[in-house]
Structure formats: structure tokens, C-alpha cells
Amino acid sequence: MDFARTAVIGAGTMGCGIAQVLITSGLEVALYDADPTALQRGVARIAQRLRRQQEKGELSATACAQALQRLRPAGAWAELRAVDLAIEAVPEKMALKREVF
């Protein structure tokens, strides 16, 4: 199955790590978190990690910039409708997971 547009639901440690791998692999990612502050923090964390890879020479400046362009913070569920693949990465709370699914 081919897919290009993905969503990661949950902008915590796990969700940010998954989103980072996807954007550096060339996929577009809509990163969603119900908490706007957590979403902003997650986007900043991903940008910081990518820039650190760039500083170490593990990622070119162009690749870093292109990866960050593929990351799109999503503030509403409606923004996730057009994705080919959604990955759930919310905290291990059964009520929350049920709500997401």
C-alpha cells in the first residue's frame, strides 16, 4: 500500500518520535494533540531534534528544512480526514484510547 499523507495522534514523546521518523522519510505528517500547548511543544521538540542532527552533520540543512515543511500541526480532528495512514500515540489511558478510536 502506498501512502504519502499521515497523521500522528498524540504529540508526546512517542508521537513526536514517530512524526520525526515519518517526515525525515519524506512523508507529510499532520501532528494532532487535543492540548494546543502540548502540540506546540511537540512541534518545537521535533524542530530542535532535527536541528541538532543538522549541527552534528547527520542531516543536511536542506533535508532539515524539507522535513520541517512536511510537518503540519493539526488543531482539529477534521484536519486528519484526508490522510492515508493514522497512527495513535496517546497516553496509556483506556478511556482516552477509546475516544480516539
N, C-alpha and C. Protein backbone atom coordinates (compact mmCIF):
# COMPACT_ATOMS: atom_id res chain seq x y z
N MET A 1 0.84 -1.18 0.00
CA MET A 1 0.00 0.00 0.00
C MET A 1 0.89 1.25 0.00
N ASP A 2 0.61 2.15 -0.90
CA ASP A 2 1.34 3.40 -0.95
C ASP A 2 0.59 4.46 -0.15
N PHE A 3 1.32 5.25 0.57
CA PHE A 3 0.72 6.37 1.26
C PHE A 3 1.74 7.48 1.37
N ALA A 4 1.24 8.71 1.39
CA ALA A 4 2.12 9.87 1.48
C ALA A 4 1.72 10.78 2.62
N ARG A 5 0.42 10.83 2.90
CA ARG A 5 -0.08 11.72 3.95
C ARG A 5 -0.41 10.90 5.18
N THR A 6 0.20 11.25 6.28
CA THR A 6 -0.01 10.51 7.51
C THR A 6 -0.44 11.46 8.63
N ALA A 7 -0.96 10.86 9.69
CA ALA A 7 -1.31 11.62 10.88
C ALA A 7 -0.76 10.87 12.08
N VAL A 8 -0.29 11.62 13.03
CA VAL A 8 0.12 11.06 14.32
C VAL A 8 -0.76 11.74 15.36
N ILE A 9 -1.47 10.95 16.11
CA ILE A 9 -2.39 11.46 17.12
C ILE A 9 -1.72 11.32 18.47
N GLY A 10 -1.32 12.45 19.02
CA GLY A 10 -0.59 12.49 20.28
C GLY A 10 0.78 13.09 20.04
N ALA A 11 1.05 14.23 20.68
CA ALA A 11 2.31 14.94 20.46
C ALA A 11 3.25 14.81 21.65
N GLY A 12 3.17 13.69 22.33
CA GLY A 12 4.10 13.44 23.43
C GLY A 12 5.40 12.85 22.89
N THR A 13 6.17 12.24 23.76
CA THR A 13 7.47 11.69 23.38
C THR A 13 7.35 10.69 22.24
N MET A 14 6.45 9.73 22.37
CA MET A 14 6.28 8.68 21.35
C MET A 14 5.76 9.28 20.04
N GLY A 15 4.73 10.10 20.12
CA GLY A 15 4.16 10.69 18.92
C GLY A 15 5.15 11.55 18.16
N CYS A 16 5.92 12.34 18.90
CA CYS A 16 6.92 13.20 18.24
C CYS A 16 8.01 12.36 17.58
N GLY A 17 8.42 11.30 18.23
CA GLY A 17 9.44 10.42 17.63
C GLY A 17 8.94 9.79 16.35
N ILE A 18 7.69 9.33 16.36
CA ILE A 18 7.10 8.72 15.16
C ILE A 18 6.99 9.76 14.06
N ALA A 19 6.48 10.95 14.40
CA ALA A 19 6.33 12.02 13.40
C ALA A 19 7.68 12.39 12.79
N GLN A 20 8.71 12.46 13.62
CA GLN A 20 10.05 12.82 13.12
C GLN A 20 10.55 11.78 12.13
N VAL A 21 10.39 10.53 12.43
CA VAL A 21 10.83 9.47 11.50
C VAL A 21 10.07 9.58 10.18
N LEU A 22 8.78 9.83 10.26
CA LEU A 22 7.97 9.92 9.05
C LEU A 22 8.37 11.11 8.18
N ILE A 23 8.56 12.28 8.78
CA ILE A 23 8.90 13.46 7.97
C ILE A 23 10.31 13.35 7.39
N THR A 24 11.23 12.73 8.11
CA THR A 24 12.58 12.56 7.55
C THR A 24 12.61 11.47 6.49
N SER A 25 11.55 10.66 6.44
CA SER A 25 11.42 9.63 5.40
C SER A 25 10.69 10.15 4.17
N GLY A 26 10.28 11.41 4.20
CA GLY A 26 9.66 12.02 3.04
C GLY A 26 8.14 12.06 3.06
N LEU A 27 7.53 11.68 4.17
CA LEU A 27 6.08 11.68 4.25
C LEU A 27 5.56 12.96 4.91
N GLU A 28 4.39 13.39 4.47
CA GLU A 28 3.73 14.52 5.11
C GLU A 28 3.06 14.01 6.38
N VAL A 29 3.14 14.80 7.45
CA VAL A 29 2.57 14.39 8.73
C VAL A 29 1.72 15.51 9.31
N ALA A 30 0.49 15.16 9.64
CA ALA A 30 -0.36 16.05 10.42
C ALA A 30 -0.23 15.56 11.86
N LEU A 31 0.35 16.38 12.71
CA LEU A 31 0.53 16.02 14.12
C LEU A 31 -0.61 16.65 14.90
N TYR A 32 -1.38 15.81 15.61
CA TYR A 32 -2.55 16.28 16.35
C TYR A 32 -2.39 16.01 17.84
N ASP A 33 -2.81 16.96 18.64
CA ASP A 33 -2.95 16.75 20.07
C ASP A 33 -4.11 17.62 20.54
N ALA A 34 -4.94 17.08 21.40
CA ALA A 34 -6.10 17.82 21.91
C ALA A 34 -5.67 19.04 22.72
N ASP A 35 -4.47 18.99 23.27
CA ASP A 35 -3.94 20.09 24.08
C ASP A 35 -3.07 20.97 23.18
N PRO A 36 -3.52 22.18 22.87
CA PRO A 36 -2.73 23.05 21.98
C PRO A 36 -1.32 23.32 22.49
N THR A 37 -1.14 23.41 23.80
CA THR A 37 0.19 23.64 24.35
C THR A 37 1.09 22.44 24.09
N ALA A 38 0.55 21.25 24.28
CA ALA A 38 1.32 20.03 24.00
C ALA A 38 1.68 19.94 22.53
N LEU A 39 0.77 20.35 21.66
CA LEU A 39 1.04 20.33 20.22
C LEU A 39 2.18 21.28 19.87
N GLN A 40 2.14 22.50 20.40
CA GLN A 40 3.22 23.47 20.14
C GLN A 40 4.54 22.96 20.68
N ARG A 41 4.51 22.38 21.86
CA ARG A 41 5.73 21.84 22.47
C ARG A 41 6.28 20.69 21.62
N GLY A 42 5.38 19.85 21.10
CA GLY A 42 5.81 18.74 20.26
C GLY A 42 6.46 19.18 18.97
N VAL A 43 5.87 20.16 18.31
CA VAL A 43 6.44 20.69 17.07
C VAL A 43 7.82 21.29 17.35
N ALA A 44 7.92 22.03 18.45
CA ALA A 44 9.21 22.62 18.81
C ALA A 44 10.25 21.55 19.11
N ARG A 45 9.84 20.47 19.78
CA ARG A 45 10.75 19.38 20.12
C ARG A 45 11.28 18.70 18.85
N ILE A 46 10.40 18.48 17.89
CA ILE A 46 10.82 17.87 16.63
C ILE A 46 11.81 18.78 15.90
N ALA A 47 11.50 20.06 15.82
CA ALA A 47 12.39 21.02 15.15
C ALA A 47 13.75 21.05 15.84
N GLN A 48 13.76 21.03 17.15
CA GLN A 48 15.02 21.05 17.90
C GLN A 48 15.85 19.79 17.61
N ARG A 49 15.20 18.65 17.59
CA ARG A 49 15.93 17.40 17.31
C ARG A 49 16.52 17.40 15.90
N LEU A 50 15.73 17.86 14.94
CA LEU A 50 16.23 17.90 13.56
C LEU A 50 17.40 18.86 13.42
N ARG A 51 17.30 20.00 14.07
CA ARG A 51 18.41 20.97 14.00
C ARG A 51 19.66 20.43 14.69
N ARG A 52 19.46 19.67 15.74
CA ARG A 52 20.61 19.04 16.41
C ARG A 52 21.27 18.02 15.48
N GLN A 53 20.45 17.27 14.73
CA GLN A 53 21.02 16.33 13.76
C GLN A 53 21.79 17.08 12.69
N GLN A 54 21.28 18.23 12.29
CA GLN A 54 21.95 19.06 11.29
C GLN A 54 23.29 19.54 11.83
N GLU A 55 23.30 20.02 13.06
CA GLU A 55 24.55 20.50 13.67
C GLU A 55 25.60 19.41 13.76
N LYS A 56 25.17 18.18 13.98
CA LYS A 56 26.10 17.05 14.08
C LYS A 56 26.54 16.54 12.70
N GLY A 57 25.94 17.08 11.64
CA GLY A 57 26.28 16.64 10.30
C GLY A 57 25.54 15.39 9.87
N GLU A 58 24.55 14.99 10.64
CA GLU A 58 23.77 13.79 10.32
C GLU A 58 22.65 14.09 9.32
N LEU A 59 22.34 15.37 9.15
CA LEU A 59 21.26 15.80 8.28
C LEU A 59 21.67 17.12 7.64
N SER A 60 21.49 17.24 6.35
CA SER A 60 21.86 18.49 5.69
C SER A 60 20.85 19.58 6.04
N ALA A 61 21.24 20.82 5.84
CA ALA A 61 20.34 21.94 6.09
C ALA A 61 19.11 21.85 5.20
N THR A 62 19.30 21.43 3.97
CA THR A 62 18.18 21.29 3.03
C THR A 62 17.23 20.20 3.50
N ALA A 63 17.77 19.05 3.90
CA ALA A 63 16.94 17.95 4.36
C ALA A 63 16.17 18.33 5.62
N CYS A 64 16.82 19.07 6.49
CA CYS A 64 16.18 19.54 7.72
C CYS A 64 15.00 20.45 7.38
N ALA A 65 15.23 21.42 6.52
CA ALA A 65 14.18 22.37 6.13
C ALA A 65 13.03 21.65 5.43
N GLN A 66 13.36 20.72 4.55
CA GLN A 66 12.32 19.98 3.83
C GLN A 66 11.49 19.12 4.78
N ALA A 67 12.15 18.49 5.73
CA ALA A 67 11.42 17.67 6.71
C ALA A 67 10.46 18.54 7.51
N LEU A 68 10.93 19.68 7.97
CA LEU A 68 10.08 20.57 8.76
C LEU A 68 8.90 21.09 7.94
N GLN A 69 9.07 21.25 6.64
CA GLN A 69 7.97 21.68 5.78
C GLN A 69 6.90 20.60 5.66
N ARG A 70 7.28 19.34 5.86
CA ARG A 70 6.32 18.24 5.77
C ARG A 70 5.53 18.04 7.06
N LEU A 71 5.90 18.75 8.12
CA LEU A 71 5.22 18.64 9.41
C LEU A 71 4.14 19.71 9.51
N ARG A 72 2.92 19.27 9.75
CA ARG A 72 1.81 20.21 9.84
C ARG A 72 1.08 19.99 11.16
N PRO A 73 1.12 20.97 12.06
CA PRO A 73 0.34 20.84 13.29
C PRO A 73 -1.15 20.88 12.95
N ALA A 74 -1.91 19.99 13.54
CA ALA A 74 -3.35 19.93 13.31
C ALA A 74 -4.07 20.23 14.61
N GLY A 75 -4.92 21.22 14.58
CA GLY A 75 -5.61 21.62 15.80
C GLY A 75 -7.01 21.05 15.92
N ALA A 76 -7.47 20.31 14.90
CA ALA A 76 -8.83 19.76 14.92
C ALA A 76 -8.86 18.41 14.22
N TRP A 77 -9.77 17.56 14.66
CA TRP A 77 -9.92 16.23 14.05
C TRP A 77 -10.18 16.33 12.56
N ALA A 78 -10.93 17.34 12.14
CA ALA A 78 -11.28 17.49 10.73
C ALA A 78 -10.06 17.58 9.83
N GLU A 79 -8.96 18.06 10.36
CA GLU A 79 -7.73 18.19 9.56
C GLU A 79 -7.08 16.84 9.28
N LEU A 80 -7.56 15.79 9.90
CA LEU A 80 -6.97 14.46 9.72
C LEU A 80 -7.73 13.60 8.72
N ARG A 81 -8.81 14.10 8.19
CA ARG A 81 -9.67 13.30 7.31
C ARG A 81 -8.99 12.87 6.02
N ALA A 82 -8.09 13.64 5.50
CA ALA A 82 -7.51 13.36 4.19
C ALA A 82 -6.20 12.57 4.26
N VAL A 83 -5.94 11.89 5.37
CA VAL A 83 -4.69 11.15 5.49
C VAL A 83 -4.86 9.72 5.00
N ASP A 84 -3.76 9.13 4.60
CA ASP A 84 -3.75 7.74 4.15
C ASP A 84 -3.51 6.77 5.30
N LEU A 85 -2.85 7.26 6.34
CA LEU A 85 -2.48 6.41 7.48
C LEU A 85 -2.51 7.26 8.74
N ALA A 86 -3.18 6.77 9.78
CA ALA A 86 -3.19 7.46 11.08
C ALA A 86 -2.57 6.55 12.12
N ILE A 87 -1.70 7.11 12.94
CA ILE A 87 -1.02 6.36 14.00
C ILE A 87 -1.41 6.98 15.33
N GLU A 88 -1.92 6.15 16.23
CA GLU A 88 -2.33 6.60 17.56
C GLU A 88 -1.16 6.49 18.51
N ALA A 89 -0.86 7.59 19.20
CA ALA A 89 0.26 7.62 20.15
C ALA A 89 -0.13 8.44 21.38
N VAL A 90 -1.32 8.16 21.91
CA VAL A 90 -1.80 8.90 23.08
C VAL A 90 -1.38 8.14 24.35
N PRO A 91 -1.47 8.80 25.51
CA PRO A 91 -1.10 8.12 26.76
C PRO A 91 -1.89 6.84 26.98
N GLU A 92 -1.31 5.96 27.75
CA GLU A 92 -1.89 4.64 28.01
C GLU A 92 -3.06 4.74 29.00
N LYS A 93 -4.10 5.39 28.56
CA LYS A 93 -5.34 5.52 29.34
C LYS A 93 -6.46 4.99 28.47
N MET A 94 -7.09 3.91 28.91
CA MET A 94 -8.06 3.22 28.08
C MET A 94 -9.21 4.13 27.62
N ALA A 95 -9.71 4.99 28.49
CA ALA A 95 -10.80 5.88 28.10
C ALA A 95 -10.36 6.81 26.97
N LEU A 96 -9.15 7.31 27.05
CA LEU A 96 -8.63 8.19 26.01
C LEU A 96 -8.45 7.43 24.70
N LYS A 97 -7.91 6.23 24.77
CA LYS A 97 -7.72 5.43 23.54
C LYS A 97 -9.07 5.12 22.89
N ARG A 98 -10.07 4.80 23.69
CA ARG A 98 -11.41 4.55 23.13
C ARG A 98 -11.94 5.79 22.44
N GLU A 99 -11.74 6.94 23.05
CA GLU A 99 -12.20 8.19 22.46
C GLU A 99 -11.53 8.43 21.11
N VAL A 100 -10.24 8.16 21.03
CA VAL A 100 -9.50 8.36 19.78
C VAL A 100 -10.03 7.42 18.70
N PHE A 101 -10.20 6.16 19.07
CA PHE A 101 -10.66 5.18 18.06
C PHE A 101 -12.13 5.37 17.76
